[in-house]
Amino acid sequence: MPPAGLDGLPELVDRVRSTGLHVDLDMNLAAGDGSQLPAALAVSVYRIVQEALTNVVAHTAATHCRVAVEVNSREVTIEVTDPGPLRRTQQADRGGYGLIGMRERALLYGGSFHAGPRPDGGFRVFARLPYEPTGAPR
């Protein structure tokens, strides 16, 4: 099991690739290596990416998707996109809590969350999580 945090994202993506889904991972750590993130926030970033990828595998017939994580000095943005199409599954019909959980994680940090169909097809998950860098004065 990869460590839950930014360091674990490449291994998480590799595990998802083993399902046959091609995943492009683009990590832009403009503010350094991500170590300035509070630990709980780093775990939330990981969990949002994990759930978004789980949804791509479980609910679409997509053969590829893109994960973009950008960290700057005050916020993290996460975007997971796939070209679709959606695949109807029993799991989707029962209604899961994945999108709700991702939204709650973003809102916990005063951030924002959007998920829905893209105009050109497929699906997009986007989260913005603001933060105070570890060790920053209050």
N, C-alpha and C. Protein backbone atom coordinates (compact mmCIF):
# COMPACT_ATOMS: atom_id res chain seq x y z
N MET A 1 0.85 -1.18 0.00
CA MET A 1 0.00 0.00 0.00
C MET A 1 0.89 1.24 0.00
N PRO A 2 0.68 2.16 -0.96
CA PRO A 2 1.51 3.36 -0.98
C PRO A 2 1.21 4.25 0.21
N PRO A 3 2.21 5.06 0.62
CA PRO A 3 1.94 5.99 1.72
C PRO A 3 0.91 7.02 1.27
N ALA A 4 -0.01 7.35 2.16
CA ALA A 4 -1.06 8.32 1.83
C ALA A 4 -0.48 9.73 1.95
N GLY A 5 -0.21 10.34 0.84
CA GLY A 5 0.36 11.67 0.76
C GLY A 5 0.87 11.88 -0.65
N LEU A 6 1.49 13.02 -0.89
CA LEU A 6 1.99 13.31 -2.24
C LEU A 6 3.01 12.28 -2.71
N ASP A 7 3.85 11.82 -1.79
CA ASP A 7 4.87 10.82 -2.16
C ASP A 7 4.25 9.51 -2.63
N GLY A 8 3.04 9.23 -2.21
CA GLY A 8 2.39 7.97 -2.58
C GLY A 8 1.64 8.03 -3.90
N LEU A 9 1.49 9.22 -4.48
CA LEU A 9 0.70 9.33 -5.72
C LEU A 9 1.27 8.54 -6.89
N PRO A 10 2.59 8.58 -7.15
CA PRO A 10 3.10 7.78 -8.27
C PRO A 10 2.82 6.28 -8.10
N GLU A 11 2.97 5.76 -6.90
CA GLU A 11 2.69 4.33 -6.67
C GLU A 11 1.20 4.04 -6.81
N LEU A 12 0.34 4.94 -6.34
CA LEU A 12 -1.10 4.78 -6.51
C LEU A 12 -1.45 4.71 -8.00
N VAL A 13 -0.90 5.64 -8.77
CA VAL A 13 -1.15 5.66 -10.20
C VAL A 13 -0.66 4.36 -10.86
N ASP A 14 0.51 3.87 -10.44
CA ASP A 14 1.01 2.60 -10.99
C ASP A 14 0.05 1.45 -10.69
N ARG A 15 -0.51 1.44 -9.50
CA ARG A 15 -1.47 0.38 -9.15
C ARG A 15 -2.71 0.47 -10.04
N VAL A 16 -3.18 1.67 -10.29
CA VAL A 16 -4.35 1.85 -11.16
C VAL A 16 -4.01 1.45 -12.59
N ARG A 17 -2.82 1.75 -13.03
CA ARG A 17 -2.38 1.35 -14.38
C ARG A 17 -2.44 -0.15 -14.55
N SER A 18 -2.24 -0.89 -13.46
CA SER A 18 -2.27 -2.36 -13.56
C SER A 18 -3.66 -2.88 -13.90
N THR A 19 -4.69 -2.03 -13.82
CA THR A 19 -6.04 -2.43 -14.22
C THR A 19 -6.23 -2.31 -15.72
N GLY A 20 -5.25 -1.72 -16.41
CA GLY A 20 -5.35 -1.51 -17.85
C GLY A 20 -5.67 -0.07 -18.23
N LEU A 21 -5.94 0.77 -17.24
CA LEU A 21 -6.23 2.17 -17.50
C LEU A 21 -4.91 2.93 -17.63
N HIS A 22 -4.72 3.64 -18.73
CA HIS A 22 -3.54 4.47 -18.89
C HIS A 22 -3.78 5.77 -18.12
N VAL A 23 -2.89 6.10 -17.20
CA VAL A 23 -3.04 7.30 -16.37
C VAL A 23 -1.83 8.19 -16.58
N ASP A 24 -2.09 9.45 -16.97
CA ASP A 24 -1.05 10.46 -17.04
C ASP A 24 -1.07 11.20 -15.71
N LEU A 25 0.06 11.25 -15.02
CA LEU A 25 0.19 11.97 -13.76
C LEU A 25 1.07 13.19 -13.98
N ASP A 26 0.51 14.35 -13.73
CA ASP A 26 1.24 15.61 -13.86
C ASP A 26 1.23 16.27 -12.49
N MET A 27 2.40 16.28 -11.84
CA MET A 27 2.53 16.92 -10.53
C MET A 27 3.41 18.15 -10.67
N ASN A 28 2.85 19.31 -10.34
CA ASN A 28 3.59 20.56 -10.38
C ASN A 28 3.72 21.05 -8.95
N LEU A 29 4.89 20.87 -8.39
CA LEU A 29 5.14 21.26 -7.00
C LEU A 29 5.93 22.57 -7.01
N ALA A 30 5.32 23.62 -7.54
CA ALA A 30 5.98 24.92 -7.69
C ALA A 30 6.54 25.45 -6.38
N ALA A 31 5.95 25.06 -5.29
CA ALA A 31 6.39 25.58 -3.99
C ALA A 31 7.40 24.67 -3.32
N GLY A 32 8.01 23.76 -4.06
CA GLY A 32 9.00 22.87 -3.47
C GLY A 32 8.62 21.42 -3.69
N ASP A 33 8.85 20.60 -2.69
CA ASP A 33 8.59 19.17 -2.82
C ASP A 33 7.28 18.74 -2.18
N GLY A 34 6.51 19.67 -1.70
CA GLY A 34 5.25 19.34 -1.04
C GLY A 34 5.37 19.14 0.44
N SER A 35 6.60 19.21 0.97
CA SER A 35 6.79 18.98 2.40
C SER A 35 6.21 20.10 3.27
N GLN A 36 5.90 21.24 2.64
CA GLN A 36 5.32 22.34 3.40
C GLN A 36 3.83 22.12 3.67
N LEU A 37 3.25 21.10 3.06
CA LEU A 37 1.83 20.82 3.29
C LEU A 37 1.61 20.22 4.67
N PRO A 38 0.57 20.65 5.35
CA PRO A 38 0.21 19.96 6.59
C PRO A 38 -0.08 18.49 6.27
N ALA A 39 0.31 17.60 7.16
CA ALA A 39 0.18 16.16 6.90
C ALA A 39 -1.25 15.75 6.58
N ALA A 40 -2.21 16.26 7.32
CA ALA A 40 -3.61 15.88 7.08
C ALA A 40 -4.08 16.34 5.71
N LEU A 41 -3.61 17.49 5.25
CA LEU A 41 -3.97 17.97 3.93
C LEU A 41 -3.38 17.07 2.86
N ALA A 42 -2.12 16.66 3.03
CA ALA A 42 -1.49 15.77 2.06
C ALA A 42 -2.26 14.45 1.94
N VAL A 43 -2.75 13.95 3.07
CA VAL A 43 -3.56 12.73 3.05
C VAL A 43 -4.87 12.99 2.30
N SER A 44 -5.48 14.14 2.50
CA SER A 44 -6.73 14.47 1.80
C SER A 44 -6.51 14.55 0.29
N VAL A 45 -5.40 15.13 -0.13
CA VAL A 45 -5.07 15.19 -1.56
C VAL A 45 -4.99 13.77 -2.11
N TYR A 46 -4.25 12.92 -1.43
CA TYR A 46 -4.10 11.53 -1.85
C TYR A 46 -5.47 10.85 -1.94
N ARG A 47 -6.30 11.00 -0.93
CA ARG A 47 -7.61 10.33 -0.90
C ARG A 47 -8.54 10.84 -2.01
N ILE A 48 -8.48 12.13 -2.32
CA ILE A 48 -9.31 12.65 -3.41
C ILE A 48 -8.86 12.04 -4.73
N VAL A 49 -7.55 12.01 -4.97
CA VAL A 49 -7.05 11.39 -6.21
C VAL A 49 -7.43 9.91 -6.24
N GLN A 50 -7.27 9.22 -5.13
CA GLN A 50 -7.59 7.79 -5.05
C GLN A 50 -9.06 7.54 -5.40
N GLU A 51 -9.95 8.31 -4.82
CA GLU A 51 -11.38 8.11 -5.07
C GLU A 51 -11.74 8.48 -6.51
N ALA A 52 -11.16 9.56 -7.02
CA ALA A 52 -11.45 9.95 -8.40
C ALA A 52 -11.00 8.86 -9.37
N LEU A 53 -9.82 8.28 -9.14
CA LEU A 53 -9.35 7.20 -10.01
C LEU A 53 -10.22 5.95 -9.86
N THR A 54 -10.64 5.66 -8.65
CA THR A 54 -11.55 4.53 -8.42
C THR A 54 -12.82 4.72 -9.23
N ASN A 55 -13.34 5.94 -9.25
CA ASN A 55 -14.55 6.22 -10.02
C ASN A 55 -14.34 6.04 -11.52
N VAL A 56 -13.18 6.45 -12.02
CA VAL A 56 -12.89 6.25 -13.45
C VAL A 56 -12.91 4.76 -13.78
N VAL A 57 -12.24 3.96 -12.96
CA VAL A 57 -12.18 2.52 -13.20
C VAL A 57 -13.56 1.88 -13.08
N ALA A 58 -14.32 2.27 -12.06
CA ALA A 58 -15.59 1.61 -11.76
C ALA A 58 -16.76 2.08 -12.62
N HIS A 59 -16.72 3.33 -13.05
CA HIS A 59 -17.93 3.89 -13.66
C HIS A 59 -17.79 4.36 -15.09
N THR A 60 -16.60 4.17 -15.70
CA THR A 60 -16.45 4.59 -17.09
C THR A 60 -15.86 3.46 -17.91
N ALA A 61 -15.96 3.62 -19.20
CA ALA A 61 -15.31 2.70 -20.13
C ALA A 61 -14.06 3.37 -20.70
N ALA A 62 -13.56 4.39 -20.02
CA ALA A 62 -12.38 5.12 -20.48
C ALA A 62 -11.17 4.20 -20.49
N THR A 63 -10.28 4.43 -21.45
CA THR A 63 -9.03 3.68 -21.50
C THR A 63 -7.87 4.51 -20.98
N HIS A 64 -8.12 5.80 -20.77
CA HIS A 64 -7.08 6.66 -20.20
C HIS A 64 -7.71 7.82 -19.42
N CYS A 65 -6.90 8.40 -18.56
CA CYS A 65 -7.33 9.58 -17.82
C CYS A 65 -6.10 10.40 -17.45
N ARG A 66 -6.35 11.59 -16.97
CA ARG A 66 -5.26 12.48 -16.58
C ARG A 66 -5.48 12.95 -15.15
N VAL A 67 -4.40 12.92 -14.37
CA VAL A 67 -4.41 13.44 -13.00
C VAL A 67 -3.41 14.59 -12.96
N ALA A 68 -3.88 15.76 -12.54
CA ALA A 68 -3.00 16.92 -12.39
C ALA A 68 -3.11 17.42 -10.96
N VAL A 69 -1.97 17.49 -10.30
CA VAL A 69 -1.91 18.01 -8.93
C VAL A 69 -0.92 19.17 -8.95
N GLU A 70 -1.40 20.33 -8.53
CA GLU A 70 -0.53 21.50 -8.50
C GLU A 70 -0.50 22.05 -7.08
N VAL A 71 0.70 22.25 -6.58
CA VAL A 71 0.89 22.81 -5.25
C VAL A 71 1.60 24.15 -5.40
N ASN A 72 0.98 25.20 -4.88
CA ASN A 72 1.70 26.47 -4.81
C ASN A 72 1.81 26.84 -3.34
N SER A 73 2.21 28.05 -3.05
CA SER A 73 2.52 28.41 -1.66
C SER A 73 1.29 28.51 -0.76
N ARG A 74 0.09 28.49 -1.33
CA ARG A 74 -1.11 28.66 -0.50
C ARG A 74 -2.26 27.72 -0.81
N GLU A 75 -2.16 26.92 -1.89
CA GLU A 75 -3.25 26.00 -2.19
C GLU A 75 -2.77 24.84 -3.04
N VAL A 76 -3.57 23.80 -2.99
CA VAL A 76 -3.37 22.62 -3.83
C VAL A 76 -4.59 22.51 -4.72
N THR A 77 -4.36 22.27 -6.01
CA THR A 77 -5.48 21.97 -6.90
C THR A 77 -5.29 20.57 -7.45
N ILE A 78 -6.42 19.90 -7.61
CA ILE A 78 -6.44 18.53 -8.11
C ILE A 78 -7.45 18.50 -9.24
N GLU A 79 -7.04 17.94 -10.37
CA GLU A 79 -7.98 17.76 -11.47
C GLU A 79 -7.78 16.36 -12.04
N VAL A 80 -8.87 15.61 -12.11
CA VAL A 80 -8.85 14.27 -12.70
C VAL A 80 -9.89 14.28 -13.81
N THR A 81 -9.44 14.00 -15.03
CA THR A 81 -10.34 14.02 -16.18
C THR A 81 -10.23 12.72 -16.95
N ASP A 82 -11.34 12.33 -17.54
CA ASP A 82 -11.36 11.18 -18.44
C ASP A 82 -12.27 11.50 -19.61
N PRO A 83 -12.05 10.84 -20.75
CA PRO A 83 -12.87 11.12 -21.92
C PRO A 83 -14.18 10.34 -21.96
N GLY A 84 -14.41 9.48 -20.96
CA GLY A 84 -15.64 8.69 -20.93
C GLY A 84 -15.54 7.55 -21.91
N PRO A 85 -16.63 6.95 -22.27
CA PRO A 85 -18.00 7.23 -21.84
C PRO A 85 -18.31 6.58 -20.49
N LEU A 86 -19.41 7.04 -19.89
CA LEU A 86 -19.86 6.42 -18.64
C LEU A 86 -20.28 4.99 -18.90
N ARG A 87 -20.11 4.16 -17.90
CA ARG A 87 -20.53 2.77 -17.97
C ARG A 87 -21.50 2.55 -16.82
N ARG A 88 -22.68 2.09 -17.12
CA ARG A 88 -23.66 1.81 -16.07
C ARG A 88 -23.26 0.55 -15.33
N THR A 89 -23.19 0.66 -14.02
CA THR A 89 -22.87 -0.49 -13.19
C THR A 89 -23.86 -0.53 -12.04
N GLN A 90 -23.97 -1.68 -11.44
CA GLN A 90 -24.84 -1.79 -10.27
C GLN A 90 -24.35 -0.86 -9.18
N GLN A 91 -23.04 -0.77 -9.05
CA GLN A 91 -22.46 0.08 -8.02
C GLN A 91 -22.91 1.53 -8.22
N ALA A 92 -22.89 2.00 -9.46
CA ALA A 92 -23.30 3.38 -9.72
C ALA A 92 -24.78 3.56 -9.43
N ASP A 93 -25.58 2.56 -9.72
CA ASP A 93 -27.01 2.66 -9.49
C ASP A 93 -27.35 2.73 -8.00
N ARG A 94 -26.53 2.12 -7.16
CA ARG A 94 -26.80 2.14 -5.72
C ARG A 94 -26.47 3.48 -5.10
N GLY A 95 -25.65 4.25 -5.78
CA GLY A 95 -25.29 5.56 -5.23
C GLY A 95 -24.24 5.43 -4.15
N GLY A 96 -23.04 5.81 -4.47
CA GLY A 96 -21.95 5.71 -3.50
C GLY A 96 -21.73 7.04 -2.80
N TYR A 97 -20.69 7.06 -2.00
CA TYR A 97 -20.38 8.26 -1.23
C TYR A 97 -19.06 8.88 -1.66
N GLY A 98 -18.51 8.41 -2.78
CA GLY A 98 -17.22 8.90 -3.23
C GLY A 98 -17.20 10.39 -3.50
N LEU A 99 -18.13 10.89 -4.29
CA LEU A 99 -18.17 12.32 -4.60
C LEU A 99 -18.46 13.14 -3.35
N ILE A 100 -19.32 12.62 -2.51
CA ILE A 100 -19.64 13.32 -1.26
C ILE A 100 -18.39 13.41 -0.38
N GLY A 101 -17.67 12.32 -0.27
CA GLY A 101 -16.45 12.31 0.54
C GLY A 101 -15.38 13.25 0.01
N MET A 102 -15.23 13.30 -1.33
CA MET A 102 -14.26 14.22 -1.91
C MET A 102 -14.66 15.66 -1.63
N ARG A 103 -15.94 15.96 -1.79
CA ARG A 103 -16.43 17.32 -1.52
C ARG A 103 -16.19 17.68 -0.04
N GLU A 104 -16.51 16.76 0.86
CA GLU A 104 -16.32 17.04 2.29
C GLU A 104 -14.85 17.30 2.62
N ARG A 105 -13.94 16.55 1.99
CA ARG A 105 -12.51 16.78 2.24
C ARG A 105 -12.10 18.18 1.80
N ALA A 106 -12.57 18.60 0.63
CA ALA A 106 -12.22 19.94 0.13
C ALA A 106 -12.81 21.02 1.02
N LEU A 107 -14.07 20.86 1.39
CA LEU A 107 -14.73 21.87 2.21
C LEU A 107 -14.14 21.96 3.61
N LEU A 108 -13.62 20.87 4.10
CA LEU A 108 -12.97 20.85 5.41
C LEU A 108 -11.85 21.88 5.50
N TYR A 109 -11.21 22.14 4.36
CA TYR A 109 -10.11 23.10 4.32
C TYR A 109 -10.54 24.46 3.78
N GLY A 110 -11.85 24.67 3.66
CA GLY A 110 -12.33 25.94 3.12
C GLY A 110 -12.16 26.03 1.62
N GLY A 111 -12.04 24.88 0.99
CA GLY A 111 -11.81 24.84 -0.45
C GLY A 111 -13.08 24.67 -1.24
N SER A 112 -12.92 24.24 -2.46
CA SER A 112 -14.07 24.04 -3.34
C SER A 112 -13.92 22.72 -4.07
N PHE A 113 -15.04 22.22 -4.56
CA PHE A 113 -15.07 20.93 -5.25
C PHE A 113 -16.14 20.98 -6.33
N HIS A 114 -15.79 20.49 -7.49
CA HIS A 114 -16.74 20.39 -8.60
C HIS A 114 -16.52 19.06 -9.29
N ALA A 115 -17.60 18.40 -9.63
CA ALA A 115 -17.51 17.14 -10.38
C ALA A 115 -18.70 17.07 -11.32
N GLY A 116 -18.43 16.64 -12.53
CA GLY A 116 -19.52 16.51 -13.48
C GLY A 116 -19.03 16.23 -14.87
N PRO A 117 -20.00 16.04 -15.77
CA PRO A 117 -19.65 15.77 -17.16
C PRO A 117 -18.94 16.96 -17.80
N ARG A 118 -18.02 16.66 -18.70
CA ARG A 118 -17.34 17.70 -19.47
C ARG A 118 -18.13 17.98 -20.73
N PRO A 119 -18.12 19.22 -21.22
CA PRO A 119 -18.88 19.56 -22.42
C PRO A 119 -18.49 18.72 -23.64
N ASP A 120 -17.22 18.33 -23.72
CA ASP A 120 -16.75 17.55 -24.87
C ASP A 120 -16.80 16.04 -24.61
N GLY A 121 -17.45 15.63 -23.54
CA GLY A 121 -17.56 14.21 -23.19
C GLY A 121 -16.64 13.88 -22.04
N GLY A 122 -16.95 12.81 -21.37
CA GLY A 122 -16.14 12.39 -20.24
C GLY A 122 -16.57 13.07 -18.95
N PHE A 123 -15.68 13.05 -17.98
CA PHE A 123 -16.01 13.51 -16.63
C PHE A 123 -14.80 14.25 -16.06
N ARG A 124 -15.07 15.21 -15.20
CA ARG A 124 -14.01 16.00 -14.56
C ARG A 124 -14.28 16.13 -13.08
N VAL A 125 -13.25 15.89 -12.29
CA VAL A 125 -13.27 16.15 -10.85
C VAL A 125 -12.23 17.23 -10.60
N PHE A 126 -12.63 18.28 -9.90
CA PHE A 126 -11.71 19.37 -9.59
C PHE A 126 -11.88 19.76 -8.13
N ALA A 127 -10.76 19.85 -7.42
CA ALA A 127 -10.79 20.28 -6.02
C ALA A 127 -9.70 21.32 -5.81
N ARG A 128 -10.01 22.31 -4.99
CA ARG A 128 -9.06 23.33 -4.58
C ARG A 128 -9.04 23.34 -3.06
N LEU A 129 -7.85 23.14 -2.48
CA LEU A 129 -7.70 23.09 -1.03
C LEU A 129 -6.66 24.13 -0.60
N PRO A 130 -7.10 25.24 0.00
CA PRO A 130 -6.15 26.23 0.50
C PRO A 130 -5.49 25.72 1.79
N TYR A 131 -4.32 26.27 2.10
CA TYR A 131 -3.63 25.85 3.32
C TYR A 131 -2.64 26.91 3.77
N GLU A 132 -2.24 26.80 5.02
CA GLU A 132 -1.13 27.56 5.57
C GLU A 132 0.07 26.62 5.61
N PRO A 133 1.18 27.02 5.01
CA PRO A 133 2.35 26.13 5.01
C PRO A 133 2.76 25.72 6.43
N THR A 134 3.26 24.51 6.55
CA THR A 134 3.77 24.03 7.83
C THR A 134 4.83 24.98 8.32
N GLY A 135 4.69 25.41 9.56
CA GLY A 135 5.66 26.32 10.15
C GLY A 135 5.42 27.78 9.82
N ALA A 136 4.35 28.09 9.05
CA ALA A 136 4.08 29.48 8.71
C ALA A 136 3.53 30.21 9.92
N PRO A 137 3.88 31.49 10.07
CA PRO A 137 3.32 32.25 11.19
C PRO A 137 1.83 32.44 11.01
N ARG A 138 1.12 32.48 12.10
CA ARG A 138 -0.34 32.64 12.06
C ARG A 138 -0.71 34.08 12.25
